[in-house]
Every structure is written in structure tokens, then in C-alpha cells.
């Protein structure tokens, strides 16, 4: 399956994206999402806050990258390294 990491915000609000293929099962993906999902209703701490989203199967899920389990760290580090600016 294809997953996309999206990054929004910062001092100059810009959108970045990176995509990769993973061989995770649907159950494994849902467990990961449940673990790293952040509260969508949480107010940004500042105007410059950076937000990350995991886009998969047509959904964009707000995620906290600090909560990524060790098993998935390499995948997310690779995505972060590949982030490219896109037009919003």
C-alpha cells in the first residue's frame, strides 16, 4: 500500500509531501494510526506550529511523529528525509 507523509506550517506556511510503498497489513496500519494519531481538535500552540498528516486510502490523519514506535521509525525517518515542497 502507498502512504504519504504531509507536513504543513512553519514560519512560512508551506506544504511538503513524501510518498512510499509499505507492506503493512490493514490491521497493522490501524494499530499504528491508533498509536500515533493526535487530537484533531487540539489548538496549535503557536502560529508557527508544524503539523504532520499521514495520508492513506484517501484519508488524512493528523499524527504525532514523536509517538512512532521503533518498528516504524526507519519508514518515517525516510519519509521526512524525502519531503518535497508542493503547491497547496
N, C-alpha and C. Protein backbone atom coordinates (compact mmCIF):
# COMPACT_ATOMS: atom_id res chain seq x y z
N UNK A 1 0.84 -1.18 0.00
CA UNK A 1 0.00 0.00 0.00
C UNK A 1 0.89 1.24 0.00
N UNK A 2 0.33 2.32 -0.50
CA UNK A 2 1.07 3.57 -0.56
C UNK A 2 0.65 4.45 0.61
N UNK A 3 1.65 5.03 1.28
CA UNK A 3 1.37 6.01 2.33
C UNK A 3 2.10 7.30 1.98
N UNK A 4 1.53 8.40 2.45
CA UNK A 4 2.12 9.72 2.18
C UNK A 4 2.21 10.48 3.49
N UNK A 5 3.37 11.04 3.76
CA UNK A 5 3.56 11.93 4.90
C UNK A 5 3.43 13.35 4.40
N UNK A 6 2.58 14.13 5.06
CA UNK A 6 2.39 15.53 4.70
C UNK A 6 2.81 16.40 5.88
N UNK A 7 3.47 17.51 5.56
CA UNK A 7 3.92 18.46 6.58
C UNK A 7 3.37 19.83 6.22
N UNK A 8 2.72 20.47 7.17
CA UNK A 8 2.15 21.81 6.97
C UNK A 8 2.67 22.73 8.06
N UNK A 9 2.73 24.03 7.75
CA UNK A 9 3.03 25.02 8.78
C UNK A 9 4.46 25.50 8.76
N UNK A 10 4.81 26.13 9.85
CA UNK A 10 6.13 26.73 9.98
C UNK A 10 6.02 28.24 9.86
N UNK A 11 7.15 28.91 9.94
CA UNK A 11 7.15 30.38 9.88
C UNK A 11 6.57 30.87 8.56
N UNK A 12 6.92 30.19 7.48
CA UNK A 12 6.33 30.48 6.18
C UNK A 12 5.51 29.24 5.84
N UNK A 13 4.19 29.29 6.03
CA UNK A 13 3.37 28.09 5.86
C UNK A 13 3.50 27.49 4.46
N UNK A 14 4.10 26.34 4.40
CA UNK A 14 4.30 25.65 3.14
C UNK A 14 3.89 24.19 3.34
N UNK A 15 3.52 23.53 2.27
CA UNK A 15 3.14 22.13 2.32
C UNK A 15 4.27 21.29 1.71
N UNK A 16 4.61 20.21 2.41
CA UNK A 16 5.59 19.26 1.89
C UNK A 16 4.97 17.87 1.93
N UNK A 17 5.40 17.02 0.99
CA UNK A 17 4.89 15.65 0.94
C UNK A 17 6.00 14.70 0.53
N UNK A 18 5.86 13.45 1.00
CA UNK A 18 6.73 12.35 0.57
C UNK A 18 5.88 11.08 0.60
N UNK A 19 6.11 10.22 -0.37
CA UNK A 19 5.32 9.00 -0.52
C UNK A 19 6.24 7.79 -0.56
N UNK A 20 5.74 6.68 -0.02
CA UNK A 20 6.47 5.41 -0.08
C UNK A 20 5.49 4.25 -0.10
N UNK A 21 5.97 3.11 -0.52
CA UNK A 21 5.20 1.88 -0.50
C UNK A 21 5.58 1.09 0.74
N UNK A 22 4.58 0.52 1.42
CA UNK A 22 4.81 -0.31 2.60
C UNK A 22 4.04 -1.61 2.44
N UNK A 23 4.47 -2.63 3.15
CA UNK A 23 3.79 -3.93 3.08
C UNK A 23 3.07 -4.24 4.38
N UNK A 24 2.51 -3.22 5.01
CA UNK A 24 1.80 -3.38 6.27
C UNK A 24 0.40 -3.94 6.00
N UNK A 25 -0.07 -4.77 6.91
CA UNK A 25 -1.45 -5.26 6.82
C UNK A 25 -2.39 -4.13 7.25
N UNK A 26 -3.66 -4.27 6.91
CA UNK A 26 -4.65 -3.28 7.33
C UNK A 26 -4.71 -3.18 8.85
N UNK A 27 -4.60 -4.32 9.52
CA UNK A 27 -4.64 -4.34 10.99
C UNK A 27 -3.42 -3.62 11.57
N UNK A 28 -2.26 -3.89 10.99
CA UNK A 28 -1.03 -3.24 11.45
C UNK A 28 -1.10 -1.72 11.25
N UNK A 29 -1.62 -1.30 10.09
CA UNK A 29 -1.78 0.12 9.82
C UNK A 29 -2.72 0.76 10.83
N UNK A 30 -3.84 0.12 11.11
CA UNK A 30 -4.80 0.69 12.05
C UNK A 30 -4.20 0.80 13.45
N UNK A 31 -3.43 -0.20 13.87
CA UNK A 31 -2.77 -0.14 15.18
C UNK A 31 -1.77 1.02 15.23
N UNK A 32 -1.03 1.21 14.14
CA UNK A 32 -0.08 2.32 14.08
C UNK A 32 -0.81 3.65 14.16
N UNK A 33 -1.89 3.79 13.38
CA UNK A 33 -2.66 5.04 13.39
C UNK A 33 -3.21 5.31 14.78
N UNK A 34 -3.76 4.28 15.42
CA UNK A 34 -4.30 4.45 16.77
C UNK A 34 -3.22 4.93 17.74
N UNK A 35 -1.98 4.49 17.51
CA UNK A 35 -0.87 4.83 18.40
C UNK A 35 -0.35 6.26 18.17
N UNK A 36 -0.28 6.67 16.90
CA UNK A 36 0.36 7.97 16.60
C UNK A 36 -0.62 9.10 16.29
N UNK A 37 -1.92 8.78 16.23
CA UNK A 37 -2.92 9.80 15.92
C UNK A 37 -2.92 10.88 17.01
N UNK A 38 -2.99 12.13 16.58
CA UNK A 38 -3.09 13.23 17.55
C UNK A 38 -4.49 13.80 17.50
N UNK A 39 -4.87 14.47 18.55
CA UNK A 39 -6.22 15.03 18.66
C UNK A 39 -6.39 16.15 17.65
N UNK A 40 -7.29 15.94 16.70
CA UNK A 40 -7.54 16.93 15.65
C UNK A 40 -8.05 18.25 16.20
N UNK A 41 -8.73 18.21 17.33
CA UNK A 41 -9.33 19.42 17.88
C UNK A 41 -8.35 20.24 18.70
N UNK A 42 -7.15 19.72 18.92
CA UNK A 42 -6.14 20.43 19.70
C UNK A 42 -5.77 21.74 18.99
N UNK A 43 -5.79 22.82 19.73
CA UNK A 43 -5.41 24.11 19.18
C UNK A 43 -3.89 24.17 19.01
N UNK A 44 -3.41 24.75 17.91
CA UNK A 44 -1.96 24.91 17.74
C UNK A 44 -1.38 25.73 18.90
N UNK A 45 -0.19 25.34 19.32
CA UNK A 45 0.46 26.07 20.42
C UNK A 45 0.98 27.42 19.96
N UNK A 46 1.26 27.55 18.67
CA UNK A 46 1.71 28.83 18.13
C UNK A 46 1.35 28.88 16.65
N UNK A 47 1.42 30.07 16.08
CA UNK A 47 1.12 30.24 14.66
C UNK A 47 2.12 29.48 13.80
N UNK A 48 3.32 29.24 14.33
CA UNK A 48 4.38 28.61 13.56
C UNK A 48 4.44 27.10 13.74
N UNK A 49 3.45 26.53 14.41
CA UNK A 49 3.47 25.10 14.68
C UNK A 49 3.46 24.29 13.38
N UNK A 50 4.25 23.23 13.37
CA UNK A 50 4.30 22.33 12.22
C UNK A 50 3.42 21.13 12.53
N UNK A 51 2.57 20.78 11.58
CA UNK A 51 1.66 19.65 11.74
C UNK A 51 1.97 18.60 10.67
N UNK A 52 1.87 17.34 11.07
CA UNK A 52 2.09 16.23 10.15
C UNK A 52 0.80 15.43 10.01
N UNK A 53 0.60 14.92 8.80
CA UNK A 53 -0.55 14.08 8.50
C UNK A 53 -0.07 12.85 7.75
N UNK A 54 -0.72 11.73 8.02
CA UNK A 54 -0.46 10.51 7.28
C UNK A 54 -1.63 10.32 6.33
N UNK A 55 -1.37 10.33 5.04
CA UNK A 55 -2.42 10.15 4.04
C UNK A 55 -2.37 8.71 3.54
N UNK A 56 -3.49 8.01 3.70
CA UNK A 56 -3.58 6.62 3.25
C UNK A 56 -5.04 6.31 2.93
N UNK A 57 -5.25 5.62 1.84
CA UNK A 57 -6.60 5.23 1.42
C UNK A 57 -7.58 6.40 1.39
N UNK A 58 -7.13 7.56 0.92
CA UNK A 58 -8.00 8.72 0.79
C UNK A 58 -8.26 9.47 2.08
N UNK A 59 -7.64 9.05 3.18
CA UNK A 59 -7.81 9.73 4.47
C UNK A 59 -6.53 10.48 4.81
N UNK A 60 -6.68 11.61 5.49
CA UNK A 60 -5.54 12.37 6.03
C UNK A 60 -5.70 12.39 7.53
N UNK A 61 -4.79 11.70 8.23
CA UNK A 61 -4.89 11.52 9.67
C UNK A 61 -3.81 12.36 10.35
N UNK A 62 -4.20 13.26 11.27
CA UNK A 62 -3.19 14.04 11.98
C UNK A 62 -2.38 13.12 12.89
N UNK A 63 -1.06 13.21 12.80
CA UNK A 63 -0.20 12.32 13.58
C UNK A 63 0.86 13.08 14.36
N UNK A 64 1.30 12.45 15.45
CA UNK A 64 2.39 12.97 16.27
C UNK A 64 3.59 12.07 16.01
N UNK A 65 4.58 12.57 15.28
CA UNK A 65 5.73 11.76 14.90
C UNK A 65 6.60 11.36 16.09
N UNK A 66 6.42 12.02 17.22
CA UNK A 66 7.17 11.65 18.42
C UNK A 66 6.66 10.33 19.00
N UNK A 67 5.48 9.89 18.58
CA UNK A 67 4.87 8.66 19.10
C UNK A 67 5.11 7.44 18.20
N UNK A 68 5.86 7.61 17.11
CA UNK A 68 6.08 6.49 16.19
C UNK A 68 6.87 5.39 16.89
N UNK A 69 6.33 4.15 16.91
CA UNK A 69 7.03 3.04 17.54
C UNK A 69 8.34 2.73 16.81
N UNK A 70 9.31 2.16 17.51
CA UNK A 70 10.62 1.86 16.91
C UNK A 70 10.53 1.03 15.62
N UNK A 71 9.57 0.13 15.54
CA UNK A 71 9.41 -0.72 14.36
C UNK A 71 9.19 0.09 13.08
N UNK A 72 8.60 1.28 13.21
CA UNK A 72 8.25 2.10 12.06
C UNK A 72 9.13 3.34 11.90
N UNK A 73 10.05 3.55 12.83
CA UNK A 73 10.87 4.77 12.80
C UNK A 73 11.61 4.95 11.49
N UNK A 74 12.22 3.87 10.98
CA UNK A 74 13.01 3.98 9.74
C UNK A 74 12.13 4.45 8.58
N UNK A 75 10.92 3.94 8.49
CA UNK A 75 10.00 4.36 7.42
C UNK A 75 9.70 5.85 7.52
N UNK A 76 9.39 6.31 8.72
CA UNK A 76 9.04 7.72 8.90
C UNK A 76 10.26 8.63 8.76
N UNK A 77 11.42 8.18 9.20
CA UNK A 77 12.64 8.97 9.01
C UNK A 77 12.94 9.11 7.51
N UNK A 78 12.74 8.03 6.77
CA UNK A 78 12.93 8.08 5.32
C UNK A 78 11.96 9.04 4.65
N UNK A 79 10.71 9.00 5.08
CA UNK A 79 9.72 9.93 4.53
C UNK A 79 10.09 11.38 4.86
N UNK A 80 10.50 11.63 6.09
CA UNK A 80 10.88 13.00 6.48
C UNK A 80 12.05 13.49 5.64
N UNK A 81 13.00 12.62 5.35
CA UNK A 81 14.17 13.00 4.56
C UNK A 81 13.80 13.29 3.11
N UNK A 82 12.71 12.70 2.63
CA UNK A 82 12.28 12.85 1.24
C UNK A 82 11.23 13.93 1.02
N UNK A 83 10.82 14.64 2.07
CA UNK A 83 9.78 15.67 1.93
C UNK A 83 10.16 16.70 0.87
N UNK A 84 9.22 16.97 -0.02
CA UNK A 84 9.42 17.96 -1.08
C UNK A 84 8.27 18.96 -1.03
N UNK A 85 8.58 20.21 -1.33
CA UNK A 85 7.55 21.25 -1.34
C UNK A 85 6.59 21.02 -2.50
N UNK A 86 5.30 21.24 -2.22
CA UNK A 86 4.26 21.13 -3.24
C UNK A 86 3.37 22.36 -3.16
N UNK A 87 2.71 22.66 -4.26
CA UNK A 87 1.77 23.78 -4.24
C UNK A 87 0.54 23.35 -3.50
N UNK A 88 0.08 24.20 -2.58
CA UNK A 88 -1.10 23.87 -1.77
C UNK A 88 -2.36 24.09 -2.53
